[in-house]
PDB file of N, CA and C in Angstrom:
ATOM      1  N   UNK A   1      21.149-121.905  87.635  1.00  0.00           N
ATOM      2  CA  UNK A   1      20.744-123.280  87.341  1.00  0.00           C
ATOM      3  C   UNK A   1      21.843-123.949  86.526  1.00  0.00           C
ATOM      4  N   UNK A   2      22.327-125.111  86.987  1.00  0.00           N
ATOM      5  CA  UNK A   2      23.391-125.800  86.249  1.00  0.00           C
ATOM      6  C   UNK A   2      22.859-126.384  84.945  1.00  0.00           C
ATOM      7  N   UNK A   3      23.743-126.583  83.981  1.00  0.00           N
ATOM      8  CA  UNK A   3      23.302-127.201  82.732  1.00  0.00           C
ATOM      9  C   UNK A   3      22.879-128.651  82.964  1.00  0.00           C
ATOM     10  N   UNK A   4      21.958-129.104  82.153  1.00  0.00           N
ATOM     11  CA  UNK A   4      21.482-130.491  82.263  1.00  0.00           C
ATOM     12  C   UNK A   4      22.540-131.401  81.644  1.00  0.00           C
ATOM     13  N   UNK A   5      23.082-132.351  82.408  1.00  0.00           N
ATOM     14  CA  UNK A   5      24.137-133.216  81.870  1.00  0.00           C
ATOM     15  C   UNK A   5      23.566-134.341  81.008  1.00  0.00           C
ATOM     16  N   UNK A   6      24.429-134.922  80.209  1.00  0.00           N
ATOM     17  CA  UNK A   6      24.087-136.128  79.459  1.00  0.00           C
ATOM     18  C   UNK A   6      24.623-137.292  80.278  1.00  0.00           C
ATOM     19  N   UNK A   7      23.735-138.175  80.737  1.00  0.00           N
ATOM     20  CA  UNK A   7      24.123-139.275  81.619  1.00  0.00           C
ATOM     21  C   UNK A   7      23.722-140.611  81.018  1.00  0.00           C
ATOM     22  N   UNK A   8      24.334-141.663  81.542  1.00  0.00           N
ATOM     23  CA  UNK A   8      23.937-143.018  81.167  1.00  0.00           C
ATOM     24  C   UNK A   8      22.715-143.410  81.986  1.00  0.00           C
ATOM     25  N   UNK A   9      21.883-144.308  81.486  1.00  0.00           N
ATOM     26  CA  UNK A   9      20.675-144.702  82.222  1.00  0.00           C
ATOM     27  C   UNK A   9      20.971-145.211  83.624  1.00  0.00           C
ATOM     28  N   UNK A  10      22.036-145.963  83.808  1.00  0.00           N
ATOM     29  CA  UNK A  10      22.364-146.509  85.135  1.00  0.00           C
ATOM     30  C   UNK A  10      22.660-145.388  86.129  1.00  0.00           C
ATOM     31  N   UNK A  11      23.312-144.324  85.663  1.00  0.00           N
ATOM     32  CA  UNK A  11      23.604-143.180  86.533  1.00  0.00           C
ATOM     33  C   UNK A  11      22.317-142.473  86.950  1.00  0.00           C
ATOM     34  N   UNK A  12      21.393-142.355  86.001  1.00  0.00           N
ATOM     35  CA  UNK A  12      20.113-141.706  86.285  1.00  0.00           C
ATOM     36  C   UNK A  12      19.327-142.533  87.298  1.00  0.00           C
ATOM     37  N   UNK A  13      19.252-143.833  87.085  1.00  0.00           N
ATOM     38  CA  UNK A  13      18.520-144.720  87.987  1.00  0.00           C
ATOM     39  C   UNK A  13      19.157-144.687  89.373  1.00  0.00           C
ATOM     40  N   UNK A  14      20.478-144.734  89.456  1.00  0.00           N
ATOM     41  CA  UNK A  14      21.177-144.715  90.741  1.00  0.00           C
ATOM     42  C   UNK A  14      20.880-143.417  91.502  1.00  0.00           C
ATOM     43  N   UNK A  15      20.874-142.290  90.806  1.00  0.00           N
ATOM     44  CA  UNK A  15      20.580-141.009  91.461  1.00  0.00           C
ATOM     45  C   UNK A  15      19.155-140.994  91.999  1.00  0.00           C
ATOM     46  N   UNK A  16      18.189-141.484  91.204  1.00  0.00           N
ATOM     47  CA  UNK A  16      16.808-141.527  91.682  1.00  0.00           C
ATOM     48  C   UNK A  16      16.649-142.505  92.840  1.00  0.00           C
ATOM     49  N   UNK A  17      17.376-143.620  92.819  1.00  0.00           N
ATOM     50  CA  UNK A  17      17.315-144.571  93.939  1.00  0.00           C
ATOM     51  C   UNK A  17      17.812-143.914  95.223  1.00  0.00           C
ATOM     52  N   UNK A  18      18.836-143.110  95.134  1.00  0.00           N
ATOM     53  CA  UNK A  18      19.349-142.411  96.313  1.00  0.00           C
ATOM     54  C   UNK A  18      18.364-141.366  96.820  1.00  0.00           C
ATOM     55  N   UNK A  19      17.436-140.955  95.955  1.00  0.00           N
ATOM     56  CA  UNK A  19      16.401-139.987  96.340  1.00  0.00           C
ATOM     57  C   UNK A  19      15.108-140.681  96.783  1.00  0.00           C
ATOM     58  N   UNK A  20      15.137-142.017  96.918  1.00  0.00           N
ATOM     59  CA  UNK A  20      13.987-142.741  97.442  1.00  0.00           C
ATOM     60  C   UNK A  20      13.140-143.463  96.413  1.00  0.00           C
ATOM     61  N   UNK A  21      13.483-143.378  95.144  1.00  0.00           N
ATOM     62  CA  UNK A  21      12.737-144.088  94.103  1.00  0.00           C
ATOM     63  C   UNK A  21      13.232-145.525  94.021  1.00  0.00           C
ATOM     64  N   UNK A  22      12.363-146.440  93.587  1.00  0.00           N
ATOM     65  CA  UNK A  22      12.717-147.856  93.481  1.00  0.00           C
ATOM     66  C   UNK A  22      12.413-148.355  92.074  1.00  0.00           C
ATOM     67  N   UNK A  23      13.240-149.278  91.593  1.00  0.00           N
ATOM     68  CA  UNK A  23      12.984-149.896  90.295  1.00  0.00           C
ATOM     69  C   UNK A  23      11.821-150.855  90.470  1.00  0.00           C
ATOM     70  N   UNK A  24      10.720-150.587  89.771  1.00  0.00           N
ATOM     71  CA  UNK A  24       9.539-151.443  89.860  1.00  0.00           C
ATOM     72  C   UNK A  24       9.631-152.590  88.862  1.00  0.00           C
ATOM     73  N   UNK A  25      10.121-152.262  87.672  1.00  0.00           N
ATOM     74  CA  UNK A  25      10.227-153.287  86.630  1.00  0.00           C
ATOM     75  C   UNK A  25      10.997-152.701  85.452  1.00  0.00           C
ATOM     76  N   UNK A  26      11.385-153.589  84.551  1.00  0.00           N
ATOM     77  CA  UNK A  26      11.967-153.144  83.291  1.00  0.00           C
ATOM     78  C   UNK A  26      11.117-153.712  82.186  1.00  0.00           C
ATOM     79  N   UNK A  27      10.537-152.817  81.419  1.00  0.00           N
ATOM     80  CA  UNK A  27       9.650-153.240  80.341  1.00  0.00           C
ATOM     81  C   UNK A  27      10.316-152.864  79.029  1.00  0.00           C
ATOM     82  N   UNK A  28      10.828-153.865  78.304  1.00  0.00           N
ATOM     83  CA  UNK A  28      11.514-153.574  77.055  1.00  0.00           C
ATOM     84  C   UNK A  28      12.763-152.755  77.304  1.00  0.00           C
ATOM     85  N   UNK A  29      12.841-151.605  76.649  1.00  0.00           N
ATOM     86  CA  UNK A  29      14.029-150.775  76.774  1.00  0.00           C
ATOM     87  C   UNK A  29      13.830-149.610  77.731  1.00  0.00           C
ATOM     88  N   UNK A  30      12.912-149.745  78.675  1.00  0.00           N
ATOM     89  CA  UNK A  30      12.658-148.694  79.656  1.00  0.00           C
ATOM     90  C   UNK A  30      12.664-149.268  81.072  1.00  0.00           C
ATOM     91  N   UNK A  31      13.257-148.514  81.991  1.00  0.00           N
ATOM     92  CA  UNK A  31      13.297-148.890  83.402  1.00  0.00           C
ATOM     93  C   UNK A  31      12.260-148.039  84.114  1.00  0.00           C
ATOM     94  N   UNK A  32      11.304-148.676  84.784  1.00  0.00           N
ATOM     95  CA  UNK A  32      10.203-147.983  85.443  1.00  0.00           C
ATOM     96  C   UNK A  32      10.520-147.835  86.927  1.00  0.00           C
ATOM     97  N   UNK A  33      10.450-146.591  87.418  1.00  0.00           N
ATOM     98  CA  UNK A  33      10.726-146.289  88.821  1.00  0.00           C
ATOM     99  C   UNK A  33       9.454-145.798  89.505  1.00  0.00           C
ATOM    100  N   UNK A  34       9.270-146.225  90.755  1.00  0.00           N
ATOM    101  CA  UNK A  34       8.137-145.757  91.551  1.00  0.00           C
ATOM    102  C   UNK A  34       8.654-145.305  92.912  1.00  0.00           C
ATOM    103  N   UNK A  35       7.822-144.535  93.597  1.00  0.00           N
ATOM    104  CA  UNK A  35       8.174-144.075  94.938  1.00  0.00           C
ATOM    105  C   UNK A  35       6.908-144.078  95.772  1.00  0.00           C
ATOM    106  N   UNK A  36       6.942-144.688  96.958  1.00  0.00           N
ATOM    107  CA  UNK A  36       5.759-144.684  97.821  1.00  0.00           C
ATOM    108  C   UNK A  36       5.313-143.252  98.114  1.00  0.00           C
ATOM    109  N   UNK A  37       4.023-143.018  97.978  1.00  0.00           N
ATOM    110  CA  UNK A  37       3.478-141.693  98.222  1.00  0.00           C
ATOM    111  C   UNK A  37       3.490-140.785  97.002  1.00  0.00           C
ATOM    112  N   UNK A  38       4.099-141.218  95.907  1.00  0.00           N
ATOM    113  CA  UNK A  38       4.129-140.436  94.674  1.00  0.00           C
ATOM    114  C   UNK A  38       3.148-141.038  93.680  1.00  0.00           C
ATOM    115  N   UNK A  39       2.381-140.195  93.039  1.00  0.00           N
ATOM    116  CA  UNK A  39       1.458-140.674  92.010  1.00  0.00           C
ATOM    117  C   UNK A  39       2.217-140.984  90.726  1.00  0.00           C
ATOM    118  N   UNK A  40       3.226-140.167  90.427  1.00  0.00           N
ATOM    119  CA  UNK A  40       3.965-140.295  89.174  1.00  0.00           C
ATOM    120  C   UNK A  40       4.863-141.529  89.174  1.00  0.00           C
ATOM    121  N   UNK A  41       5.069-142.078  87.990  1.00  0.00           N
ATOM    122  CA  UNK A  41       6.088-143.095  87.773  1.00  0.00           C
ATOM    123  C   UNK A  41       7.083-142.501  86.787  1.00  0.00           C
ATOM    124  N   UNK A  42       8.317-142.941  86.876  1.00  0.00           N
ATOM    125  CA  UNK A  42       9.352-142.447  85.983  1.00  0.00           C
ATOM    126  C   UNK A  42       9.775-143.561  85.047  1.00  0.00           C
ATOM    127  N   UNK A  43       9.912-143.246  83.785  1.00  0.00           N
ATOM    128  CA  UNK A  43      10.311-144.214  82.777  1.00  0.00           C
ATOM    129  C   UNK A  43      11.638-143.767  82.173  1.00  0.00           C
ATOM    130  N   UNK A  44      12.714-144.432  82.578  1.00  0.00           N
ATOM    131  CA  UNK A  44      14.053-144.078  82.113  1.00  0.00           C
ATOM    132  C   UNK A  44      14.385-144.950  80.909  1.00  0.00           C
ATOM    133  N   UNK A  45      14.638-144.341  79.736  1.00  0.00           N
ATOM    134  CA  UNK A  45      14.971-145.150  78.560  1.00  0.00           C
ATOM    135  C   UNK A  45      16.352-145.781  78.719  1.00  0.00           C
ATOM    136  N   UNK A  46      16.456-147.037  78.357  1.00  0.00           N
ATOM    137  CA  UNK A  46      17.736-147.747  78.471  1.00  0.00           C
ATOM    138  C   UNK A  46      18.441-147.693  77.115  1.00  0.00           C
ATOM    139  N   UNK A  47      18.924-146.486  76.790  1.00  0.00           N
ATOM    140  CA  UNK A  47      19.679-146.231  75.570  1.00  0.00           C
ATOM    141  C   UNK A  47      21.123-145.947  75.995  1.00  0.00           C
ATOM    142  N   UNK A  48      22.039-145.745  75.071  1.00  0.00           N
ATOM    143  CA  UNK A  48      23.418-145.454  75.487  1.00  0.00           C
ATOM    144  C   UNK A  48      23.519-144.241  76.426  1.00  0.00           C
ATOM    145  N   UNK A  49      22.737-143.188  76.145  1.00  0.00           N
ATOM    146  CA  UNK A  49      22.684-142.023  77.025  1.00  0.00           C
ATOM    147  C   UNK A  49      21.242-141.539  77.106  1.00  0.00           C
ATOM    148  N   UNK A  50      20.933-140.821  78.193  1.00  0.00           N
ATOM    149  CA  UNK A  50      19.602-140.230  78.365  1.00  0.00           C
ATOM    150  C   UNK A  50      19.700-138.789  77.870  1.00  0.00           C
ATOM    151  N   UNK A  51      18.865-138.427  76.919  1.00  0.00           N
ATOM    152  CA  UNK A  51      18.896-137.088  76.335  1.00  0.00           C
ATOM    153  C   UNK A  51      18.614-136.025  77.399  1.00  0.00           C
ATOM    154  N   UNK A  52      19.154-134.846  77.180  1.00  0.00           N
ATOM    155  CA  UNK A  52      18.987-133.756  78.146  1.00  0.00           C
ATOM    156  C   UNK A  52      17.522-133.416  78.379  1.00  0.00           C
ATOM    157  N   UNK A  53      16.744-133.346  77.319  1.00  0.00           N
ATOM    158  CA  UNK A  53      15.325-133.023  77.454  1.00  0.00           C
ATOM    159  C   UNK A  53      14.568-134.095  78.220  1.00  0.00           C
ATOM    160  N   UNK A  54      14.914-135.342  77.978  1.00  0.00           N
ATOM    161  CA  UNK A  54      14.281-136.453  78.688  1.00  0.00           C
ATOM    162  C   UNK A  54      14.623-136.397  80.172  1.00  0.00           C
ATOM    163  N   UNK A  55      15.880-136.133  80.483  1.00  0.00           N
ATOM    164  CA  UNK A  55      16.293-136.042  81.877  1.00  0.00           C
ATOM    165  C   UNK A  55      15.595-134.873  82.576  1.00  0.00           C
ATOM    166  N   UNK A  56      15.491-133.761  81.894  1.00  0.00           N
ATOM    167  CA  UNK A  56      14.815-132.599  82.464  1.00  0.00           C
ATOM    168  C   UNK A  56      13.348-132.926  82.748  1.00  0.00           C
ATOM    169  N   UNK A  57      12.710-133.665  81.855  1.00  0.00           N
ATOM    170  CA  UNK A  57      11.323-134.079  82.042  1.00  0.00           C
ATOM    171  C   UNK A  57      11.180-135.038  83.224  1.00  0.00           C
ATOM    172  N   UNK A  58      12.120-135.974  83.373  1.00  0.00           N
ATOM    173  CA  UNK A  58      12.084-136.919  84.493  1.00  0.00           C
ATOM    174  C   UNK A  58      12.223-136.195  85.828  1.00  0.00           C
ATOM    175  N   UNK A  59      13.123-135.233  85.877  1.00  0.00           N
ATOM    176  CA  UNK A  59      13.330-134.464  87.105  1.00  0.00           C
ATOM    177  C   UNK A  59      12.066-133.668  87.438  1.00  0.00           C
ATOM    178  N   UNK A  60      11.432-133.103  86.434  1.00  0.00           N
ATOM    179  CA  UNK A  60      10.195-132.349  86.658  1.00  0.00           C
ATOM    180  C   UNK A  60       9.080-133.268  87.156  1.00  0.00           C
ATOM    181  N   UNK A  61       8.955-134.469  86.567  1.00  0.00           N
ATOM    182  CA  UNK A  61       7.922-135.415  87.005  1.00  0.00           C
ATOM    183  C   UNK A  61       8.153-135.886  88.431  1.00  0.00           C
ATOM    184  N   UNK A  62       9.420-135.933  88.840  1.00  0.00           N
ATOM    185  CA  UNK A  62       9.748-136.336  90.204  1.00  0.00           C
ATOM    186  C   UNK A  62       9.498-135.201  91.193  1.00  0.00           C
ATOM    187  N   UNK A  63       9.179-134.024  90.687  1.00  0.00           N
ATOM    188  CA  UNK A  63       8.871-132.836  91.503  1.00  0.00           C
ATOM    189  C   UNK A  63      10.059-132.413  92.371  1.00  0.00           C
ATOM    190  N   UNK A  64      11.244-132.434  91.761  1.00  0.00           N
ATOM    191  CA  UNK A  64      12.440-131.956  92.452  1.00  0.00           C
ATOM    192  C   UNK A  64      13.168-130.988  91.530  1.00  0.00           C
ATOM    193  N   UNK A  65      14.110-130.252  92.078  1.00  0.00           N
ATOM    194  CA  UNK A  65      14.897-129.340  91.259  1.00  0.00           C
ATOM    195  C   UNK A  65      16.069-130.104  90.637  1.00  0.00           C
ATOM    196  N   UNK A  66      16.637-129.515  89.613  1.00  0.00           N
ATOM    197  CA  UNK A  66      17.789-130.139  88.969  1.00  0.00           C
ATOM    198  C   UNK A  66      18.958-130.228  89.951  1.00  0.00           C
ATOM    199  N   UNK A  67      19.118-129.217  90.789  1.00  0.00           N
ATOM    200  CA  UNK A  67      20.190-129.223  91.785  1.00  0.00           C
ATOM    201  C   UNK A  67      20.021-130.389  92.764  1.00  0.00           C
ATOM    202  N   UNK A  68      18.777-130.632  93.195  1.00  0.00           N
ATOM    203  CA  UNK A  68      18.505-131.742  94.116  1.00  0.00           C
ATOM    204  C   UNK A  68      18.795-133.088  93.448  1.00  0.00           C
ATOM    205  N   UNK A  69      18.543-133.188  92.156  1.00  0.00           N
ATOM    206  CA  UNK A  69      18.820-134.425  91.434  1.00  0.00           C
ATOM    207  C   UNK A  69      20.325-134.637  91.288  1.00  0.00           C
ATOM    208  N   UNK A  70      21.077-133.568  91.044  1.00  0.00           N
ATOM    209  CA  UNK A  70      22.505-133.685  90.805  1.00  0.00           C
ATOM    210  C   UNK A  70      23.314-133.994  92.064  1.00  0.00           C
ATOM    211  N   UNK A  71      22.773-133.656  93.249  1.00  0.00           N
ATOM    212  CA  UNK A  71      23.491-133.904  94.504  1.00  0.00           C
ATOM    213  C   UNK A  71      23.906-135.364  94.681  1.00  0.00           C
ATOM    214  N   UNK A  72      23.016-136.354  94.525  1.00  0.00           N
ATOM    215  CA  UNK A  72      23.426-137.751  94.717  1.00  0.00           C
ATOM    216  C   UNK A  72      24.451-138.229  93.692  1.00  0.00           C
ATOM    217  N   UNK A  73      24.563-137.559  92.553  1.00  0.00           N
ATOM    218  CA  UNK A  73      25.542-137.968  91.547  1.00  0.00           C
ATOM    219  C   UNK A  73      26.964-137.722  92.029  1.00  0.00           C
ATOM    220  N   UNK A  74      27.134-136.743  92.909  1.00  0.00           N
ATOM    221  CA  UNK A  74      28.462-136.407  93.406  1.00  0.00           C
ATOM    222  C   UNK A  74      28.950-137.382  94.473  1.00  0.00           C
ATOM    223  N   UNK A  75      28.068-138.185  95.017  1.00  0.00           N
ATOM    224  CA  UNK A  75      28.439-139.101  96.105  1.00  0.00           C
ATOM    225  C   UNK A  75      29.147-140.317  95.590  1.00  0.00           C
TER     226      UNK A  75
END
């Protein structure tokens, strides 16, 4: 399992968008993502960087592996 990287919020949102998630809205300092057919919503904090634990939690809520999340980042 690769280490969880420290990423900027825009990079995290872009990776999730490539995986089929869509930006539903931005409420304050959080970007809310939804995906048709998914019950979960993802809330990406719009801070200078997304903490490793927060990113790991977002990936788990999206029901994907860390490797699957990291693939779109390489594109």
